[in-house]
Amino acid sequence: MPKMKTKSAAKKRFQVTGGGHLKRKHAYHGHILTKKSQKRKRNLDHTTLVDRADEKVVKQMLLM
């Protein structure tokens, strides 16, 4: 049986922290930034953790 493949989209979007949590970037920071306030853009720039409700699905995509 061949090896299981990690979802390429997931490995590009998520990173595992030292404690086993998953780090992600915020959405809405890719384009159409002129109408967004500086404060909003600055807050979208930071990373955050994947919600606990979604962790199981993302870990399955990453084959953890």
PDB file of N, CA and C in Angstrom:
ATOM      1  N   MET A   1       0.844  -1.189   0.000  1.00  0.00           N
ATOM      2  CA  MET A   1       0.000   0.000   0.000  1.00  0.00           C
ATOM      3  C   MET A   1       0.888   1.251   0.000  1.00  0.00           C
ATOM      4  N   PRO A   2       0.584   2.244  -0.827  1.00  0.00           N
ATOM      5  CA  PRO A   2       1.432   3.445  -0.885  1.00  0.00           C
ATOM      6  C   PRO A   2       1.283   4.306   0.359  1.00  0.00           C
ATOM      7  N   LYS A   3       2.245   5.190   0.525  1.00  0.00           N
ATOM      8  CA  LYS A   3       2.218   6.102   1.667  1.00  0.00           C
ATOM      9  C   LYS A   3       1.055   7.077   1.549  1.00  0.00           C
ATOM     10  N   MET A   4       0.555   7.518   2.699  1.00  0.00           N
ATOM     11  CA  MET A   4      -0.491   8.538   2.719  1.00  0.00           C
ATOM     12  C   MET A   4       0.153   9.881   2.421  1.00  0.00           C
ATOM     13  N   LYS A   5      -0.495  10.698   1.618  1.00  0.00           N
ATOM     14  CA  LYS A   5       0.062  12.002   1.269  1.00  0.00           C
ATOM     15  C   LYS A   5      -0.584  13.097   2.108  1.00  0.00           C
ATOM     16  N   THR A   6       0.246  14.025   2.559  1.00  0.00           N
ATOM     17  CA  THR A   6      -0.240  15.208   3.252  1.00  0.00           C
ATOM     18  C   THR A   6      -0.936  16.104   2.244  1.00  0.00           C
ATOM     19  N   LYS A   7      -2.013  16.782   2.665  1.00  0.00           N
ATOM     20  CA  LYS A   7      -2.685  17.730   1.790  1.00  0.00           C
ATOM     21  C   LYS A   7      -1.768  18.927   1.570  1.00  0.00           C
ATOM     22  N   SER A   8      -1.410  19.196   0.327  1.00  0.00           N
ATOM     23  CA  SER A   8      -0.472  20.269   0.006  1.00  0.00           C
ATOM     24  C   SER A   8      -0.985  21.625   0.453  1.00  0.00           C
ATOM     25  N   ALA A   9      -2.291  21.858   0.326  1.00  0.00           N
ATOM     26  CA  ALA A   9      -2.870  23.140   0.734  1.00  0.00           C
ATOM     27  C   ALA A   9      -2.695  23.349   2.234  1.00  0.00           C
ATOM     28  N   ALA A  10      -2.852  22.276   3.012  1.00  0.00           N
ATOM     29  CA  ALA A  10      -2.755  22.387   4.465  1.00  0.00           C
ATOM     30  C   ALA A  10      -1.326  22.660   4.910  1.00  0.00           C
ATOM     31  N   LYS A  11      -0.358  21.999   4.284  1.00  0.00           N
ATOM     32  CA  LYS A  11       1.020  22.195   4.729  1.00  0.00           C
ATOM     33  C   LYS A  11       1.524  23.594   4.392  1.00  0.00           C
ATOM     34  N   LYS A  12       0.888  24.243   3.391  1.00  0.00           N
ATOM     35  CA  LYS A  12       1.259  25.614   3.058  1.00  0.00           C
ATOM     36  C   LYS A  12       0.626  26.625   4.014  1.00  0.00           C
ATOM     37  N   ARG A  13      -0.486  26.254   4.634  1.00  0.00           N
ATOM     38  CA  ARG A  13      -1.258  27.214   5.419  1.00  0.00           C
ATOM     39  C   ARG A  13      -1.107  27.090   6.923  1.00  0.00           C
ATOM     40  N   PHE A  14      -0.695  25.930   7.418  1.00  0.00           N
ATOM     41  CA  PHE A  14      -0.643  25.713   8.862  1.00  0.00           C
ATOM     42  C   PHE A  14       0.759  25.297   9.297  1.00  0.00           C
ATOM     43  N   GLN A  15       1.091  25.673  10.544  1.00  0.00           N
ATOM     44  CA  GLN A  15       2.386  25.322  11.101  1.00  0.00           C
ATOM     45  C   GLN A  15       2.153  24.812  12.518  1.00  0.00           C
ATOM     46  N   VAL A  16       2.841  23.751  12.903  1.00  0.00           N
ATOM     47  CA  VAL A  16       2.668  23.157  14.222  1.00  0.00           C
ATOM     48  C   VAL A  16       3.578  23.874  15.213  1.00  0.00           C
ATOM     49  N   THR A  17       3.014  24.260  16.369  1.00  0.00           N
ATOM     50  CA  THR A  17       3.807  24.912  17.414  1.00  0.00           C
ATOM     51  C   THR A  17       4.489  23.845  18.259  1.00  0.00           C
ATOM     52  N   GLY A  18       5.336  24.272  19.168  1.00  0.00           N
ATOM     53  CA  GLY A  18       6.053  23.345  20.039  1.00  0.00           C
ATOM     54  C   GLY A  18       5.130  22.541  20.923  1.00  0.00           C
ATOM     55  N   GLY A  19       4.007  23.135  21.320  1.00  0.00           N
ATOM     56  CA  GLY A  19       3.048  22.466  22.196  1.00  0.00           C
ATOM     57  C   GLY A  19       2.049  21.606  21.451  1.00  0.00           C
ATOM     58  N   GLY A  20       2.172  21.530  20.124  1.00  0.00           N
ATOM     59  CA  GLY A  20       1.283  20.691  19.354  1.00  0.00           C
ATOM     60  C   GLY A  20       0.058  21.399  18.812  1.00  0.00           C
ATOM     61  N   HIS A  21      -0.056  22.710  19.077  1.00  0.00           N
ATOM     62  CA  HIS A  21      -1.172  23.472  18.518  1.00  0.00           C
ATOM     63  C   HIS A  21      -0.846  23.843  17.073  1.00  0.00           C
ATOM     64  N   LEU A  22      -1.809  24.405  16.385  1.00  0.00           N
ATOM     65  CA  LEU A  22      -1.628  24.771  14.986  1.00  0.00           C
ATOM     66  C   LEU A  22      -1.744  26.272  14.821  1.00  0.00           C
ATOM     67  N   LYS A  23      -0.759  26.835  14.119  1.00  0.00           N
ATOM     68  CA  LYS A  23      -0.720  28.263  13.881  1.00  0.00           C
ATOM     69  C   LYS A  23      -1.292  28.544  12.497  1.00  0.00           C
ATOM     70  N   ARG A  24      -2.016  29.663  12.357  1.00  0.00           N
ATOM     71  CA  ARG A  24      -2.589  30.041  11.067  1.00  0.00           C
ATOM     72  C   ARG A  24      -2.514  31.546  10.907  1.00  0.00           C
ATOM     73  N   LYS A  25      -2.687  32.003   9.661  1.00  0.00           N
ATOM     74  CA  LYS A  25      -2.753  33.433   9.387  1.00  0.00           C
ATOM     75  C   LYS A  25      -4.208  33.855   9.301  1.00  0.00           C
ATOM     76  N   HIS A  26      -4.432  35.159   9.427  1.00  0.00           N
ATOM     77  CA  HIS A  26      -5.783  35.700   9.299  1.00  0.00           C
ATOM     78  C   HIS A  26      -6.168  35.830   7.835  1.00  0.00           C
ATOM     79  N   ALA A  27      -7.452  35.714   7.564  1.00  0.00           N
ATOM     80  CA  ALA A  27      -7.978  35.948   6.223  1.00  0.00           C
ATOM     81  C   ALA A  27      -8.173  37.454   6.018  1.00  0.00           C
ATOM     82  N   TYR A  28      -8.532  37.851   4.817  1.00  0.00           N
ATOM     83  CA  TYR A  28      -8.845  39.244   4.455  1.00  0.00           C
ATOM     84  C   TYR A  28      -7.640  40.169   4.514  1.00  0.00           C
ATOM     85  N   HIS A  29      -6.451  39.634   4.304  1.00  0.00           N
ATOM     86  CA  HIS A  29      -5.261  40.492   4.298  1.00  0.00           C
ATOM     87  C   HIS A  29      -4.481  40.344   2.994  1.00  0.00           C
ATOM     88  N   GLY A  30      -5.153  39.850   1.945  1.00  0.00           N
ATOM     89  CA  GLY A  30      -4.454  39.595   0.694  1.00  0.00           C
ATOM     90  C   GLY A  30      -4.542  40.708  -0.313  1.00  0.00           C
ATOM     91  N   HIS A  31      -5.724  41.323  -0.433  1.00  0.00           N
ATOM     92  CA  HIS A  31      -5.905  42.385  -1.421  1.00  0.00           C
ATOM     93  C   HIS A  31      -7.081  43.244  -0.991  1.00  0.00           C
ATOM     94  N   ILE A  32      -7.370  44.287  -1.753  1.00  0.00           N
ATOM     95  CA  ILE A  32      -8.387  45.298  -1.424  1.00  0.00           C
ATOM     96  C   ILE A  32      -8.115  45.864  -0.026  1.00  0.00           C
ATOM     97  N   LEU A  33      -6.900  46.343   0.173  1.00  0.00           N
ATOM     98  CA  LEU A  33      -6.501  46.826   1.494  1.00  0.00           C
ATOM     99  C   LEU A  33      -6.732  48.315   1.672  1.00  0.00           C
ATOM    100  N   THR A  34      -7.025  49.037   0.598  1.00  0.00           N
ATOM    101  CA  THR A  34      -7.135  50.494   0.714  1.00  0.00           C
ATOM    102  C   THR A  34      -8.337  50.910   1.545  1.00  0.00           C
ATOM    103  N   LYS A  35      -9.418  50.140   1.500  1.00  0.00           N
ATOM    104  CA  LYS A  35     -10.613  50.520   2.262  1.00  0.00           C
ATOM    105  C   LYS A  35     -10.558  50.055   3.719  1.00  0.00           C
ATOM    106  N   LYS A  36      -9.560  49.274   4.082  1.00  0.00           N
ATOM    107  CA  LYS A  36      -9.445  48.777   5.451  1.00  0.00           C
ATOM    108  C   LYS A  36      -8.577  49.724   6.273  1.00  0.00           C
ATOM    109  N   SER A  37      -8.945  49.884   7.528  1.00  0.00           N
ATOM    110  CA  SER A  37      -8.208  50.811   8.395  1.00  0.00           C
ATOM    111  C   SER A  37      -6.831  50.238   8.742  1.00  0.00           C
ATOM    112  N   GLN A  38      -5.937  51.128   9.133  1.00  0.00           N
ATOM    113  CA  GLN A  38      -4.592  50.705   9.519  1.00  0.00           C
ATOM    114  C   GLN A  38      -4.646  49.726  10.687  1.00  0.00           C
ATOM    115  N   LYS A  39      -5.522  50.008  11.650  1.00  0.00           N
ATOM    116  CA  LYS A  39      -5.642  49.139  12.823  1.00  0.00           C
ATOM    117  C   LYS A  39      -6.091  47.729  12.414  1.00  0.00           C
ATOM    118  N   ARG A  40      -7.064  47.682  11.501  1.00  0.00           N
ATOM    119  CA  ARG A  40      -7.576  46.379  11.056  1.00  0.00           C
ATOM    120  C   ARG A  40      -6.502  45.603  10.319  1.00  0.00           C
ATOM    121  N   LYS A  41      -5.772  46.282   9.432  1.00  0.00           N
ATOM    122  CA  LYS A  41      -4.711  45.613   8.676  1.00  0.00           C
ATOM    123  C   LYS A  41      -3.590  45.145   9.607  1.00  0.00           C
ATOM    124  N   ARG A  42      -3.275  45.957  10.586  1.00  0.00           N
ATOM    125  CA  ARG A  42      -2.212  45.602  11.536  1.00  0.00           C
ATOM    126  C   ARG A  42      -2.600  44.368  12.342  1.00  0.00           C
ATOM    127  N   ASN A  43      -3.856  44.303  12.774  1.00  0.00           N
ATOM    128  CA  ASN A  43      -4.307  43.152  13.553  1.00  0.00           C
ATOM    129  C   ASN A  43      -4.410  41.890  12.706  1.00  0.00           C
ATOM    130  N   LEU A  44      -4.713  42.023  11.414  1.00  0.00           N
ATOM    131  CA  LEU A  44      -4.786  40.868  10.529  1.00  0.00           C
ATOM    132  C   LEU A  44      -3.403  40.320  10.202  1.00  0.00           C
ATOM    133  N   ASP A  45      -2.369  41.128  10.445  1.00  0.00           N
ATOM    134  CA  ASP A  45      -1.007  40.747  10.096  1.00  0.00           C
ATOM    135  C   ASP A  45      -0.456  39.663  11.026  1.00  0.00           C
ATOM    136  N   HIS A  46      -0.970  39.596  12.255  1.00  0.00           N
ATOM    137  CA  HIS A  46      -0.452  38.642  13.237  1.00  0.00           C
ATOM    138  C   HIS A  46      -1.000  37.238  12.987  1.00  0.00           C
ATOM    139  N   THR A  47      -0.280  36.244  13.470  1.00  0.00           N
ATOM    140  CA  THR A  47      -0.780  34.870  13.389  1.00  0.00           C
ATOM    141  C   THR A  47      -1.615  34.566  14.626  1.00  0.00           C
ATOM    142  N   THR A  48      -2.409  33.523  14.533  1.00  0.00           N
ATOM    143  CA  THR A  48      -3.230  33.087  15.650  1.00  0.00           C
ATOM    144  C   THR A  48      -3.298  31.567  15.619  1.00  0.00           C
ATOM    145  N   LEU A  49      -3.954  30.977  16.598  1.00  0.00           N
ATOM    146  CA  LEU A  49      -4.063  29.527  16.668  1.00  0.00           C
ATOM    147  C   LEU A  49      -5.358  29.061  16.027  1.00  0.00           C
ATOM    148  N   VAL A  50      -5.332  27.872  15.468  1.00  0.00           N
ATOM    149  CA  VAL A  50      -6.536  27.252  14.917  1.00  0.00           C
ATOM    150  C   VAL A  50      -7.448  26.916  16.090  1.00  0.00           C
ATOM    151  N   ASP A  51      -8.741  27.142  15.926  1.00  0.00           N
ATOM    152  CA  ASP A  51      -9.711  26.875  16.976  1.00  0.00           C
ATOM    153  C   ASP A  51      -9.722  25.385  17.318  1.00  0.00           C
ATOM    154  N   ARG A  52     -10.000  25.073  18.577  1.00  0.00           N
ATOM    155  CA  ARG A  52      -9.993  23.679  19.024  1.00  0.00           C
ATOM    156  C   ARG A  52     -10.996  22.826  18.262  1.00  0.00           C
ATOM    157  N   ALA A  53     -12.114  23.433  17.840  1.00  0.00           N
ATOM    158  CA  ALA A  53     -13.137  22.696  17.099  1.00  0.00           C
ATOM    159  C   ALA A  53     -12.627  22.249  15.732  1.00  0.00           C
ATOM    160  N   ASP A  54     -11.667  22.973  15.162  1.00  0.00           N
ATOM    161  CA  ASP A  54     -11.153  22.658  13.829  1.00  0.00           C
ATOM    162  C   ASP A  54      -9.827  21.911  13.858  1.00  0.00           C
ATOM    163  N   GLU A  55      -9.219  21.798  15.024  1.00  0.00           N
ATOM    164  CA  GLU A  55      -7.884  21.191  15.125  1.00  0.00           C
ATOM    165  C   GLU A  55      -7.853  19.761  14.605  1.00  0.00           C
ATOM    166  N   LYS A  56      -8.864  18.982  14.933  1.00  0.00           N
ATOM    167  CA  LYS A  56      -8.878  17.568  14.541  1.00  0.00           C
ATOM    168  C   LYS A  56      -8.838  17.421  13.013  1.00  0.00           C
ATOM    169  N   VAL A  57      -9.631  18.239  12.321  1.00  0.00           N
ATOM    170  CA  VAL A  57      -9.690  18.167  10.862  1.00  0.00           C
ATOM    171  C   VAL A  57      -8.367  18.575  10.232  1.00  0.00           C
ATOM    172  N   VAL A  58      -7.774  19.648  10.758  1.00  0.00           N
ATOM    173  CA  VAL A  58      -6.515  20.147  10.189  1.00  0.00           C
ATOM    174  C   VAL A  58      -5.391  19.142  10.456  1.00  0.00           C
ATOM    175  N   LYS A  59      -5.363  18.571  11.647  1.00  0.00           N
ATOM    176  CA  LYS A  59      -4.326  17.578  11.954  1.00  0.00           C
ATOM    177  C   LYS A  59      -4.466  16.351  11.063  1.00  0.00           C
ATOM    178  N   GLN A  60      -5.701  15.999  10.733  1.00  0.00           N
ATOM    179  CA  GLN A  60      -5.920  14.871   9.833  1.00  0.00           C
ATOM    180  C   GLN A  60      -5.389  15.193   8.439  1.00  0.00           C
ATOM    181  N   MET A  61      -5.547  16.447   8.002  1.00  0.00           N
ATOM    182  CA  MET A  61      -5.030  16.851   6.701  1.00  0.00           C
ATOM    183  C   MET A  61      -3.503  16.817   6.680  1.00  0.00           C
ATOM    184  N   LEU A  62      -2.897  17.100   7.844  1.00  0.00           N
ATOM    185  CA  LEU A  62      -1.439  17.103   7.957  1.00  0.00           C
ATOM    186  C   LEU A  62      -0.890  15.730   8.343  1.00  0.00           C
ATOM    187  N   LEU A  63      -1.793  14.765   8.536  1.00  0.00           N
ATOM    188  CA  LEU A  63      -1.414  13.395   8.940  1.00  0.00           C
ATOM    189  C   LEU A  63      -0.597  13.380  10.217  1.00  0.00           C
ATOM    190  N   MET A  64      -1.125  14.044  11.235  1.00  0.00           N
ATOM    191  CA  MET A  64      -0.430  14.062  12.535  1.00  0.00           C
ATOM    192  C   MET A  64      -1.012  13.017  13.456  1.00  0.00           C
TER     193      MET A  64
END
